[in-house]
Amino acid sequence: MSALEGLIAPAQEGAEKRALPARARRFGTLRLFVLGAVLPLGAALLWELAVRAGLASGRLMPPPSTILATLVELARSGDLALHVKATLARVAAGFALGVAAGTLLGMLAGASGLARALIDPSLQGLRAIPSIAWVPLFILWLGIFEASKVTLIAVGVAFPIYLGTLGAILSVDRKIVEVGRSFRLTRLQLATRILLPAVLPHYVVALRAGLGLGWMFVVAAEFMGASEGLGYLLVDGQQLGKPAQIVAAIVVFAVLGKLTDALLVAASAPLLRWEDTDSHAAAAREG
């Protein structure tokens, strides 16, 4: 073997070894996706067979074929894209505002015991208020247009972000901070090298919880006189007696919620690549 071959061979072997875990991860992700689809697809198939066999009428709970036909019709007419865009825009705006407010309040309460004593009791009390209770107040204050809807979503998102940020800051091990100080790290270095890595995994979980509540609150928001959005489809289906349209809107909510959560997990994965724990791997696989 020549000298050149001697240099190339180890490099090729190293590349092959690095490629194996990547292929294993892709196979594992595909396997988890297939396993996750077994339950909903199996339940849908069983219900379709039950209706076709005459064991159930399918009037109030339509079979999957009817729901699929409704989705196709909504897509062909352009209504589905219109309502999906309206709902996505509201969730995105409310999520951004809620994340900003929840993060700032959580950082303030986590960094200062005095601030925590001042704001935490009030925020905990407000957190217990049901989402639907805010609706008449926001309509009175902000009207029935987009401002009230986005604000309601932001309120729902802010509380889990606040709790996650506060809990993450309070859970930072003081010994790690003392080690950083003993190495004479500046405040910026202490924040970026110690505090941020310690807080980030918990913060990502809080973001996912906030996003989930954002999708829940958008339904209540779109009950406030909306003429567009998936929530409007739910109300329209209930008023006109269209159960297939109601279930179709629920299915779209579920799909969009899962897709946005997966995007959030994928976006945060590079920031958590340093973390080598089973819990993080499980969270990443869920996305």
Protein backbone atom coordinates (compact mmCIF):
# COMPACT_ATOMS: atom_id res chain seq x y z
CA MET A 1 0.00 0.00 0.00
CA SER A 2 1.37 3.41 -0.99
CA ALA A 3 1.82 6.31 1.37
CA LEU A 4 -1.14 8.10 -0.21
CA GLU A 5 -3.37 5.07 0.25
CA GLY A 6 -2.20 4.86 3.85
CA LEU A 7 -3.44 8.39 4.42
CA ILE A 8 -6.72 7.97 2.57
CA ALA A 9 -7.76 4.64 4.12
CA PRO A 10 -8.04 5.89 7.75
CA ALA A 11 -9.95 8.94 6.57
CA GLN A 12 -12.43 6.76 4.67
CA GLU A 13 -12.84 4.48 7.65
CA GLY A 14 -13.52 7.48 9.89
CA ALA A 15 -16.11 8.84 7.46
CA GLU A 16 -17.83 5.46 7.32
CA LYS A 17 -17.93 5.27 11.11
CA ARG A 18 -19.46 8.74 11.31
CA ALA A 19 -22.00 7.84 8.64
CA LEU A 20 -23.23 4.79 10.53
CA PRO A 21 -24.72 6.72 13.48
CA ALA A 22 -26.36 9.16 11.06
CA ARG A 23 -27.99 6.30 9.15
CA ALA A 24 -29.01 4.70 12.42
CA ARG A 25 -30.63 7.95 13.56
CA ARG A 26 -32.52 8.29 10.29
CA PHE A 27 -33.72 4.70 10.54
CA GLY A 28 -34.70 5.25 14.17
CA THR A 29 -36.65 8.40 13.28
CA LEU A 30 -38.49 6.60 10.48
CA ARG A 31 -39.25 3.69 12.80
CA LEU A 32 -40.64 6.02 15.47
CA PHE A 33 -42.75 7.82 12.86
CA VAL A 34 -44.24 4.54 11.68
CA LEU A 35 -44.93 3.40 15.24
CA GLY A 36 -46.54 6.74 16.07
CA ALA A 37 -48.85 6.45 13.05
CA VAL A 38 -50.06 2.96 13.97
CA LEU A 39 -52.56 4.05 16.63
CA PRO A 40 -54.39 6.86 14.76
CA LEU A 41 -54.39 5.04 11.43
CA GLY A 42 -55.51 1.83 13.07
CA ALA A 43 -58.36 3.56 14.91
CA ALA A 44 -59.41 5.32 11.69
CA LEU A 45 -59.41 2.03 9.77
CA LEU A 46 -61.47 0.28 12.43
CA TRP A 47 -64.06 3.07 12.46
CA GLU A 48 -64.26 3.07 8.66
CA LEU A 49 -64.88 -0.69 8.66
CA ALA A 50 -67.46 -0.38 11.45
CA VAL A 51 -69.46 2.22 9.50
CA ARG A 52 -69.24 0.31 6.23
CA ALA A 53 -70.35 -2.89 7.98
CA GLY A 54 -73.40 -1.13 9.41
CA LEU A 55 -72.25 -1.44 13.02
CA ALA A 56 -72.35 2.36 13.40
CA SER A 57 -74.31 5.04 11.56
CA GLY A 58 -71.44 7.48 11.15
CA ARG A 59 -73.85 10.41 11.24
CA LEU A 60 -72.45 12.26 14.26
CA MET A 61 -68.96 10.80 13.94
CA PRO A 62 -68.24 10.53 10.20
CA PRO A 63 -65.89 7.83 8.88
CA PRO A 64 -62.40 8.82 7.69
CA SER A 65 -63.45 8.61 4.02
CA THR A 66 -66.10 11.31 4.56
CA ILE A 67 -63.64 13.49 6.52
CA LEU A 68 -61.04 13.09 3.77
CA ALA A 69 -63.62 14.04 1.14
CA THR A 70 -64.51 17.15 3.17
CA LEU A 71 -60.84 18.13 3.39
CA VAL A 72 -60.41 17.64 -0.35
CA GLU A 73 -63.45 19.80 -1.06
CA LEU A 74 -62.23 22.55 1.28
CA ALA A 75 -58.82 22.42 -0.38
CA ARG A 76 -60.27 22.61 -3.89
CA SER A 77 -62.43 25.60 -3.03
CA GLY A 78 -59.48 27.40 -1.45
CA ASP A 79 -61.23 27.68 1.91
CA LEU A 80 -58.79 25.36 3.68
CA ALA A 81 -55.73 27.42 2.71
CA LEU A 82 -57.52 30.64 3.69
CA HIS A 83 -58.47 29.37 7.15
CA VAL A 84 -55.11 27.69 7.78
CA LYS A 85 -53.21 30.89 6.91
CA ALA A 86 -55.41 32.97 9.20
CA THR A 87 -54.95 30.60 12.13
CA LEU A 88 -51.20 30.22 11.57
CA ALA A 89 -50.77 34.01 11.46
CA ARG A 90 -52.63 34.42 14.76
CA VAL A 91 -50.70 31.65 16.48
CA ALA A 92 -47.36 33.01 15.21
CA ALA A 93 -48.10 36.55 16.39
CA GLY A 94 -49.49 35.45 19.75
CA PHE A 95 -46.64 33.00 20.29
CA ALA A 96 -44.02 35.67 19.59
CA LEU A 97 -45.63 38.15 22.00
CA GLY A 98 -46.18 35.49 24.66
CA VAL A 99 -42.60 34.25 24.45
CA ALA A 100 -41.24 37.78 24.77
CA ALA A 101 -43.42 38.63 27.76
CA GLY A 102 -43.00 35.28 29.52
CA THR A 103 -39.23 35.23 29.03
CA LEU A 104 -38.73 38.77 30.33
CA LEU A 105 -40.93 38.21 33.39
CA GLY A 106 -39.30 34.84 34.08
CA MET A 107 -35.80 36.29 33.85
CA LEU A 108 -36.75 39.19 36.10
CA ALA A 109 -38.33 36.94 38.73
CA GLY A 110 -35.48 34.43 38.53
CA ALA A 111 -32.75 37.02 38.86
CA SER A 112 -34.25 38.97 41.77
CA GLY A 113 -35.90 37.63 44.89
CA LEU A 114 -37.62 40.98 45.43
CA ALA A 115 -39.06 40.98 41.91
CA ARG A 116 -40.20 37.40 42.37
CA ALA A 117 -41.98 38.27 45.61
CA LEU A 118 -43.71 41.18 43.88
CA ILE A 119 -44.89 39.63 40.61
CA ASP A 120 -45.07 35.86 41.12
CA PRO A 121 -48.22 35.75 43.33
CA SER A 122 -50.15 37.91 40.87
CA LEU A 123 -49.02 35.91 37.85
CA GLN A 124 -49.90 32.63 39.56
CA GLY A 125 -53.39 33.97 40.27
CA LEU A 126 -53.84 35.17 36.69
CA ARG A 127 -52.60 31.82 35.40
CA ALA A 128 -55.55 30.07 37.05
CA ILE A 129 -58.13 32.09 35.08
CA PRO A 130 -59.75 29.99 32.32
CA SER A 131 -59.04 31.17 28.78
CA ILE A 132 -62.72 31.69 27.96
CA ALA A 133 -63.03 34.12 30.90
CA TRP A 134 -60.71 36.58 29.15
CA VAL A 135 -62.85 36.69 26.01
CA PRO A 136 -65.53 39.24 27.06
CA LEU A 137 -62.93 41.49 28.67
CA PHE A 138 -60.64 41.50 25.63
CA ILE A 139 -63.60 42.15 23.33
CA LEU A 140 -64.60 45.12 25.51
CA TRP A 141 -61.03 46.47 25.58
CA LEU A 142 -59.73 45.64 22.10
CA GLY A 143 -62.80 44.92 19.98
CA ILE A 144 -63.55 41.78 18.00
CA PHE A 145 -60.74 42.13 15.47
CA GLU A 146 -57.20 40.74 15.41
CA ALA A 147 -55.82 42.61 18.43
CA SER A 148 -58.07 40.81 20.91
CA LYS A 149 -57.41 37.41 19.32
CA VAL A 150 -53.63 37.77 19.28
CA THR A 151 -53.63 39.10 22.85
CA LEU A 152 -55.63 36.13 24.08
CA ILE A 153 -53.16 33.71 22.46
CA ALA A 154 -50.23 35.65 23.91
CA VAL A 155 -51.71 35.38 27.41
CA GLY A 156 -52.01 31.62 27.05
CA VAL A 157 -48.43 31.28 25.79
CA ALA A 158 -46.82 33.63 28.33
CA PHE A 159 -47.60 31.68 31.50
CA PRO A 160 -45.81 28.38 30.69
CA ILE A 161 -42.88 30.37 29.27
CA TYR A 162 -42.70 32.38 32.49
CA LEU A 163 -42.84 29.27 34.68
CA GLY A 164 -40.28 27.43 32.56
CA THR A 165 -37.85 30.34 32.52
CA LEU A 166 -38.23 30.97 36.25
CA GLY A 167 -37.84 27.29 37.13
CA ALA A 168 -34.81 26.89 34.87
CA ILE A 169 -33.01 29.86 36.44
CA LEU A 170 -33.79 28.75 39.98
CA SER A 171 -32.62 25.20 39.25
CA VAL A 172 -29.11 26.23 38.17
CA ASP A 173 -26.59 24.58 40.48
CA ARG A 174 -24.81 27.24 42.54
CA LYS A 175 -21.67 25.10 42.61
CA ILE A 176 -21.32 25.46 38.84
CA VAL A 177 -21.65 29.21 39.15
CA GLU A 178 -19.01 29.26 41.88
CA VAL A 179 -16.66 27.24 39.68
CA GLY A 180 -17.10 29.83 36.93
CA ARG A 181 -16.37 32.64 39.36
CA SER A 182 -13.30 30.84 40.63
CA PHE A 183 -11.97 30.84 37.06
CA ARG A 184 -12.60 34.61 37.03
CA LEU A 185 -15.13 34.53 34.24
CA THR A 186 -16.75 37.84 33.40
CA ARG A 187 -20.52 38.22 33.80
CA LEU A 188 -20.97 37.81 30.06
CA GLN A 189 -18.82 34.68 30.02
CA LEU A 190 -20.66 33.34 33.06
CA ALA A 191 -24.00 33.88 31.33
CA THR A 192 -22.99 32.39 27.97
CA ARG A 193 -20.82 29.49 29.15
CA ILE A 194 -22.63 28.38 32.31
CA LEU A 195 -26.07 29.90 32.82
CA LEU A 196 -27.35 29.69 29.24
CA PRO A 197 -26.41 25.99 28.70
CA ALA A 198 -27.96 25.13 32.08
CA VAL A 199 -31.20 27.00 31.37
CA LEU A 200 -31.67 26.21 27.67
CA PRO A 201 -32.98 22.59 27.91
CA HIS A 202 -35.72 23.61 30.35
CA TYR A 203 -36.49 26.69 28.28
CA VAL A 204 -37.04 24.60 25.14
CA VAL A 205 -39.53 22.43 27.05
CA ALA A 206 -41.30 25.63 28.16
CA LEU A 207 -41.44 26.81 24.54
CA ARG A 208 -43.08 23.55 23.49
CA ALA A 209 -45.62 23.82 26.30
CA GLY A 210 -46.33 27.42 25.35
CA LEU A 211 -46.78 26.51 21.70
CA GLY A 212 -49.26 23.79 22.65
CA LEU A 213 -51.29 26.25 24.70
CA GLY A 214 -51.11 28.71 21.83
CA TRP A 215 -52.95 26.22 19.62
CA MET A 216 -55.51 25.67 22.38
CA PHE A 217 -56.10 29.39 22.95
CA VAL A 218 -56.46 30.16 19.24
CA VAL A 219 -59.72 28.19 19.23
CA ALA A 220 -61.16 30.40 21.97
CA ALA A 221 -59.74 33.44 20.15
CA GLU A 222 -61.44 32.51 16.89
CA PHE A 223 -64.76 32.10 18.65
CA MET A 224 -64.67 35.91 19.10
CA GLY A 225 -66.49 36.83 15.92
CA ALA A 226 -63.88 35.51 13.49
CA SER A 227 -64.79 35.14 9.83
CA GLU A 228 -61.59 33.23 9.00
CA GLY A 229 -59.62 30.50 10.70
CA LEU A 230 -59.99 26.88 11.72
CA GLY A 231 -61.95 27.96 14.80
CA TYR A 232 -64.44 29.60 12.46
CA LEU A 233 -64.75 26.28 10.60
CA LEU A 234 -65.61 24.60 13.91
CA VAL A 235 -68.33 27.15 14.71
CA ASP A 236 -69.67 27.08 11.14
CA GLY A 237 -69.84 23.28 11.20
CA GLN A 238 -71.66 23.30 14.54
CA GLN A 239 -74.21 25.91 13.44
CA LEU A 240 -74.92 24.25 10.09
CA GLY A 241 -74.87 20.67 11.42
CA LYS A 242 -71.75 19.55 9.55
CA PRO A 243 -69.95 17.03 11.77
CA ALA A 244 -67.53 16.09 8.97
CA GLN A 245 -66.37 19.72 8.76
CA ILE A 246 -65.92 19.88 12.55
CA VAL A 247 -63.82 16.72 12.65
CA ALA A 248 -61.85 17.83 9.58
CA ALA A 249 -60.95 21.09 11.33
CA ILE A 250 -59.90 19.16 14.44
CA VAL A 251 -57.67 16.91 12.33
CA VAL A 252 -56.02 19.94 10.71
CA PHE A 253 -55.46 21.44 14.17
CA ALA A 254 -53.75 18.22 15.27
CA VAL A 255 -51.55 18.04 12.18
CA LEU A 256 -50.50 21.69 12.36
CA GLY A 257 -49.82 21.44 16.08
CA LYS A 258 -47.59 18.42 15.59
CA LEU A 259 -45.76 19.96 12.63
CA THR A 260 -45.03 23.24 14.43
CA ASP A 261 -43.85 21.35 17.51
CA ALA A 262 -41.54 19.24 15.33
CA LEU A 263 -40.16 22.40 13.71
CA LEU A 264 -39.50 23.89 17.14
CA VAL A 265 -37.67 20.75 18.26
CA ALA A 266 -35.63 20.66 15.05
CA ALA A 267 -34.71 24.34 15.37
CA SER A 268 -33.58 23.91 18.97
CA ALA A 269 -31.69 20.64 18.39
CA PRO A 270 -28.41 22.31 17.26
CA LEU A 271 -28.41 24.39 20.44
CA LEU A 272 -28.75 21.26 22.58
CA ARG A 273 -26.30 19.07 20.68
CA TRP A 274 -23.87 19.22 23.59
CA GLU A 275 -26.40 17.56 25.88
CA ASP A 276 -25.89 13.79 26.20
CA THR A 277 -28.84 12.51 28.20
CA ASP A 278 -31.55 9.96 27.59
CA SER A 279 -34.25 12.51 28.38
CA HIS A 280 -32.98 14.90 25.70
CA ALA A 281 -32.77 12.10 23.15
CA ALA A 282 -36.34 11.09 23.95
CA ALA A 283 -37.54 14.68 23.60
CA ALA A 284 -35.78 15.00 20.27
CA ARG A 285 -37.34 11.76 19.05
CA GLU A 286 -40.81 12.98 20.01
CA GLY A 287 -40.40 15.80 17.53
